[in-house]
Amino acid sequence: MPSSSFNHIPLVCHLVCGLGPQSILDVGVGFGKWGHLFRELTDIAAAGEDPPRYRRENWRYRIDGIEAFEPYLTDMHRFLYNNIYVGDMVDVLRTLGKYDVIFMGDVIEHIELDRGKAFLREALEHANKAVIVTTPAYELVQEATCGNEYERHRSLWTSADFREFPRCWMKVVQSKIRVAMLLKEGVPMPPRPSRLKSAVRAMLIRLLGYRRYKRLGLP
């Protein structure tokens, strides 16, 4: 499917925000959910203090995508992403430059394990800060769907597979989705989510209002 579970959205958004990227490559854009979220976390969020940033011509962050199945792409995608490269992700990535963060949302399971590991190593060469991967945490049989042969599942990734890569942080969300972040050398680990901190932040925003909360420089 060109879509995926929603359980891990808060964690992924938290990690991306913690890395503070100026450029993101979304590998396997599908329906475009992550393009919406990444654009909202960057330029649209900045429009609160700088209203012209809401308009596309004033966006400053580069959010590109790779999609193997061109029929998925719509005008919505072309609006959200700066560039969308059509083709097999392994072949396309070799033609691209560097991005602060490379994100792969439920896509790595669509290629064989050995080929996937080689792809992750190449992705790390194209990343300035980190590669973030989400993938099913259990065996999930999926054949070609929506007329797209690329949708077939060809591998199951375990914790051991990701730990072959240095500086790997990992979490399984609700026993469904494995989230792995591969950090580049010298890049600090972004702060991890804390339920207590989130509750305190929500309380302060309710008490102060979001604009005053931001003006005070609170985290």
Protein backbone atom coordinates (compact mmCIF):
# COMPACT_ATOMS: atom_id res chain seq x y z
CA MET A 1 0.00 0.00 0.00
CA PRO A 2 1.14 3.58 -0.62
CA SER A 3 0.27 4.24 3.04
CA SER A 4 1.36 2.85 6.43
CA SER A 5 0.57 2.68 10.13
CA PHE A 6 0.20 5.92 12.08
CA ASN A 7 1.48 4.67 15.46
CA HIS A 8 5.04 5.89 14.99
CA ILE A 9 4.28 9.36 13.61
CA PRO A 10 5.00 11.23 16.90
CA LEU A 11 8.34 9.47 17.38
CA VAL A 12 9.54 10.11 13.83
CA CYS A 13 8.49 13.77 13.98
CA HIS A 14 10.28 14.16 17.31
CA LEU A 15 13.51 12.68 15.93
CA VAL A 16 13.41 14.78 12.76
CA CYS A 17 12.78 17.99 14.72
CA GLY A 18 15.62 17.10 17.09
CA LEU A 19 18.03 16.79 14.18
CA GLY A 20 17.08 20.23 12.82
CA PRO A 21 17.53 19.38 9.12
CA GLN A 22 17.56 21.98 6.36
CA SER A 23 17.10 19.24 3.74
CA ILE A 24 15.20 15.93 3.82
CA LEU A 25 14.97 13.12 1.28
CA ASP A 26 11.80 11.03 1.60
CA VAL A 27 12.47 7.64 0.00
CA GLY A 28 9.28 6.02 -1.26
CA VAL A 29 6.81 8.89 -0.97
CA GLY A 30 3.69 6.78 -1.60
CA PHE A 31 0.58 8.77 -0.68
CA GLY A 32 2.75 11.65 0.54
CA LYS A 33 1.93 11.53 4.25
CA TRP A 34 5.51 12.21 5.35
CA GLY A 35 5.90 15.01 2.84
CA HIS A 36 2.92 16.74 4.46
CA LEU A 37 4.32 16.24 7.95
CA PHE A 38 7.90 17.29 7.14
CA ARG A 39 6.71 20.41 5.33
CA GLU A 40 4.47 21.30 8.27
CA LEU A 41 7.31 20.76 10.76
CA THR A 42 9.60 23.08 8.81
CA ASP A 43 8.29 25.94 6.67
CA ILE A 44 4.67 25.87 7.84
CA ALA A 45 5.67 25.89 11.51
CA ALA A 46 8.02 28.81 10.81
CA ALA A 47 5.09 30.75 9.34
CA GLY A 48 3.82 31.33 12.87
CA GLU A 49 6.60 33.88 13.35
CA ASP A 50 7.13 34.71 9.68
CA PRO A 51 3.71 34.56 7.90
CA PRO A 52 5.07 34.84 4.31
CA ARG A 53 6.74 31.46 4.86
CA TYR A 54 3.30 29.85 4.50
CA ARG A 55 3.44 30.45 0.75
CA ARG A 56 5.31 27.95 -1.36
CA GLU A 57 7.45 30.57 -3.09
CA ASN A 58 8.91 31.49 0.31
CA TRP A 59 9.72 27.99 1.54
CA ARG A 60 13.34 27.64 2.60
CA TYR A 61 13.65 23.94 3.41
CA ARG A 62 14.43 21.41 0.69
CA ILE A 63 12.21 18.34 0.86
CA ASP A 64 12.73 15.94 -2.03
CA GLY A 65 11.28 12.51 -2.67
CA ILE A 66 11.90 9.28 -4.55
CA GLU A 67 8.99 7.22 -5.89
CA ALA A 68 9.28 4.09 -8.01
CA PHE A 69 5.63 3.98 -9.08
CA GLU A 70 4.75 7.13 -10.99
CA PRO A 71 0.93 6.58 -10.96
CA TYR A 72 0.96 7.37 -7.22
CA LEU A 73 2.07 10.93 -7.88
CA THR A 74 -0.46 13.78 -7.98
CA ASP A 75 -0.46 17.56 -8.01
CA MET A 76 -0.53 17.35 -4.22
CA HIS A 77 2.88 15.65 -4.24
CA ARG A 78 4.30 18.13 -6.72
CA PHE A 79 3.18 20.99 -4.48
CA LEU A 80 4.65 19.60 -1.25
CA TYR A 81 8.02 18.38 -2.50
CA ASN A 82 10.70 20.50 -4.11
CA ASN A 83 11.69 17.63 -6.41
CA ILE A 84 10.37 14.10 -6.92
CA TYR A 85 12.67 11.61 -8.63
CA VAL A 86 10.91 8.69 -10.31
CA GLY A 87 12.64 5.32 -10.41
CA ASP A 88 14.06 2.48 -8.34
CA MET A 89 15.36 4.00 -5.08
CA VAL A 90 18.68 2.16 -5.31
CA ASP A 91 19.40 3.54 -8.76
CA VAL A 92 18.06 7.05 -8.09
CA LEU A 93 19.96 7.64 -4.85
CA ARG A 94 23.27 7.18 -6.66
CA THR A 95 22.46 10.20 -8.83
CA LEU A 96 21.67 12.55 -5.95
CA GLY A 97 23.74 14.72 -3.66
CA LYS A 98 23.61 15.01 0.11
CA TYR A 99 20.73 15.65 2.50
CA ASP A 100 20.77 16.35 6.22
CA VAL A 101 18.25 13.56 6.85
CA ILE A 102 17.27 10.65 4.63
CA PHE A 103 13.96 9.08 5.65
CA MET A 104 12.67 5.66 4.57
CA GLY A 105 9.11 5.10 5.74
CA ASP A 106 8.04 1.47 5.39
CA VAL A 107 10.08 0.95 2.24
CA ILE A 108 13.20 -1.05 3.13
CA GLU A 109 11.16 -4.28 3.48
CA HIS A 110 10.34 -4.06 -0.24
CA ILE A 111 13.85 -5.18 -1.25
CA GLU A 112 15.95 -8.20 -0.29
CA LEU A 113 17.89 -8.00 2.98
CA ASP A 114 21.41 -7.95 1.51
CA ARG A 115 20.43 -5.37 -1.11
CA GLY A 116 18.75 -3.33 1.60
CA LYS A 117 21.85 -3.28 3.79
CA ALA A 118 23.95 -2.13 0.85
CA PHE A 119 21.35 0.58 0.18
CA LEU A 120 21.50 1.77 3.81
CA ARG A 121 25.29 2.02 3.60
CA GLU A 122 24.98 4.15 0.47
CA ALA A 123 22.26 6.26 2.10
CA LEU A 124 24.61 7.00 4.99
CA GLU A 125 27.13 8.33 2.47
CA HIS A 126 24.45 10.73 1.20
CA ALA A 127 23.34 11.85 4.70
CA ASN A 128 24.90 14.71 6.64
CA LYS A 129 23.17 13.89 9.91
CA ALA A 130 21.15 10.68 9.93
CA VAL A 131 19.17 8.02 8.12
CA ILE A 132 15.81 7.19 9.73
CA VAL A 133 14.05 3.94 8.82
CA THR A 134 10.64 2.57 9.75
CA THR A 135 9.66 -1.01 8.93
CA PRO A 136 7.25 -3.67 10.23
CA ALA A 137 8.45 -5.33 13.44
CA TYR A 138 6.92 -8.68 12.50
CA GLU A 139 6.41 -10.80 9.40
CA LEU A 140 3.81 -9.08 7.24
CA VAL A 141 3.02 -10.81 3.98
CA GLN A 142 2.18 -8.38 1.22
CA GLU A 143 1.98 -9.07 -2.47
CA ALA A 144 1.84 -6.55 -5.31
CA THR A 145 -1.00 -4.11 -4.60
CA CYS A 146 -2.52 -1.12 -6.42
CA GLY A 147 -0.99 -2.51 -9.61
CA ASN A 148 2.48 -1.89 -8.18
CA GLU A 149 4.99 -4.74 -8.14
CA TYR A 150 7.26 -2.68 -5.87
CA GLU A 151 4.71 -3.12 -3.05
CA ARG A 152 5.69 -6.77 -2.55
CA HIS A 153 7.44 -7.46 0.79
CA ARG A 154 10.79 -9.18 0.32
CA SER A 155 12.51 -8.96 3.73
CA LEU A 156 11.96 -8.78 7.48
CA TRP A 157 14.36 -6.58 9.44
CA THR A 158 15.38 -7.44 13.00
CA SER A 159 17.22 -5.46 15.67
CA ALA A 160 20.38 -7.42 14.83
CA ASP A 161 20.21 -6.32 11.19
CA PHE A 162 20.18 -2.64 12.13
CA ARG A 163 22.83 -3.03 14.83
CA GLU A 164 25.33 -3.95 12.13
CA PHE A 165 25.47 -0.20 11.54
CA PRO A 166 27.42 2.03 13.95
CA ARG A 167 25.57 4.59 16.07
CA CYS A 168 22.18 2.93 15.68
CA TRP A 169 19.30 3.89 17.97
CA MET A 170 16.15 1.81 17.78
CA LYS A 171 12.65 1.52 19.22
CA VAL A 172 9.67 -0.73 18.48
CA VAL A 173 6.38 1.19 18.68
CA GLN A 174 3.39 -0.74 20.03
CA SER A 175 4.95 -4.02 18.86
CA LYS A 176 4.12 -3.01 15.28
CA ILE A 177 6.72 -0.71 13.77
CA ARG A 178 10.49 -0.76 14.21
CA VAL A 179 12.04 2.71 14.05
CA ALA A 180 15.81 2.83 13.52
CA MET A 181 17.95 5.96 13.40
CA LEU A 182 21.49 5.67 12.03
CA LEU A 183 23.48 8.70 13.14
CA LYS A 184 26.54 10.01 11.36
CA GLU A 185 29.77 10.32 13.34
CA GLY A 186 29.90 13.54 15.34
CA VAL A 187 26.15 14.21 15.19
CA PRO A 188 24.68 14.38 18.72
CA MET A 189 21.78 12.15 19.61
CA PRO A 190 18.57 14.23 19.49
CA PRO A 191 16.67 14.30 22.79
CA ARG A 192 14.33 11.35 23.02
CA PRO A 193 10.63 11.77 23.80
CA SER A 194 9.68 11.97 27.47
CA ARG A 195 6.06 11.62 28.57
CA LEU A 196 6.70 13.86 31.57
CA LYS A 197 8.32 16.59 29.45
CA SER A 198 5.50 16.37 26.91
CA ALA A 199 2.89 16.74 29.66
CA VAL A 200 4.71 19.74 31.17
CA ARG A 201 5.09 21.36 27.74
CA ALA A 202 1.38 20.92 26.99
CA MET A 203 0.46 22.42 30.36
CA LEU A 204 2.73 25.48 29.81
CA ILE A 205 1.30 26.07 26.34
CA ARG A 206 -2.23 25.97 27.76
CA LEU A 207 -1.28 28.42 30.52
CA LEU A 208 0.87 30.82 28.49
CA GLY A 209 -0.43 30.45 24.96
CA TYR A 210 1.78 29.13 22.19
CA ARG A 211 3.17 32.50 21.02
CA ARG A 212 4.28 33.55 24.51
CA TYR A 213 5.66 30.07 25.14
CA LYS A 214 7.84 30.35 22.01
CA ARG A 215 8.92 33.92 22.79
CA LEU A 216 10.21 32.74 26.17
CA GLY A 217 12.44 30.23 24.38
CA LEU A 218 11.00 27.26 26.25
CA PRO A 219 11.76 23.80 24.78
